[in-house]
Amino acid sequence: MLDQQVQLITPELIASAMNYSEYKNMIAALLEENKTTGANQSESYLNYTKMSMQRMKRWDKTVKVAPELEKIVSSISSPQVWLVITEAWCGDAAQSMPFVAKLAGMNPLIELKFVLRDENPELMDAYLTEGARSIPILIALSADLSKELFVWGPRPKFLQDRLKAYKLDPQNITPKEFADGTHLWYARDKNKAIAEELTPLIASTI
């Protein structure tokens, strides 16, 4: 399965993928036309996208990386490609990708790229989370794309467990209340959980 997954990530895919700035510029351009990515162009998905842009801009200004993790990222001595599968309306991506972009920016050997889930269904289906096309998914690869170094996503374990529990028993909590609770958790956590999960994964590539 690993070989099949890696084969889906070709040099052509990476060459056509967006860097972080291009990804944000693409979303901003779509919003100017009252559009988002993907097939669902509903008012709710447009609103999700607007909120996601606001959150990314806020995190871009405020995100901090602990010295320990910065040292680990700086210690990477061989080129890596970090490929993210996502969509503009994804609330979890808006909360975590500015942190990932900050990490990637700490070492010129890391090439961070973004592709859209719904434009790459075969790739997405190689990285399902318990059978679901959950995003974002971060895939770290060797520079020649022959080796998968680690995979992270779609959200910190605490939130993934919380979502599973909610699906089993919503306990009269509305979807909006649940989503609000998720984003409040992100705001309070300040990327600590993501950092804790990524630290050993990145360290394993050195």
Foldseek 3Di string as FASTA:
>chain_A
DQQVLLVLDAPVNQVPFAAPVRVLVVLVVQVVVQAWDDDDSDPVLSVLLVVLSVLLVVCLVPADDDPLLLVLLQPDDAAKEKEKEAISSDNLCSLPVSVVSVSQVSYVSYGYGYDYCVVRVVSQCVPADVRHSADTKIWMAGPNSRDTQDIDDDHQPVVVVVVVVCVVPVPPQDPVNNVVVVVVVSVVCSCVRVNVVVRVSSNSND
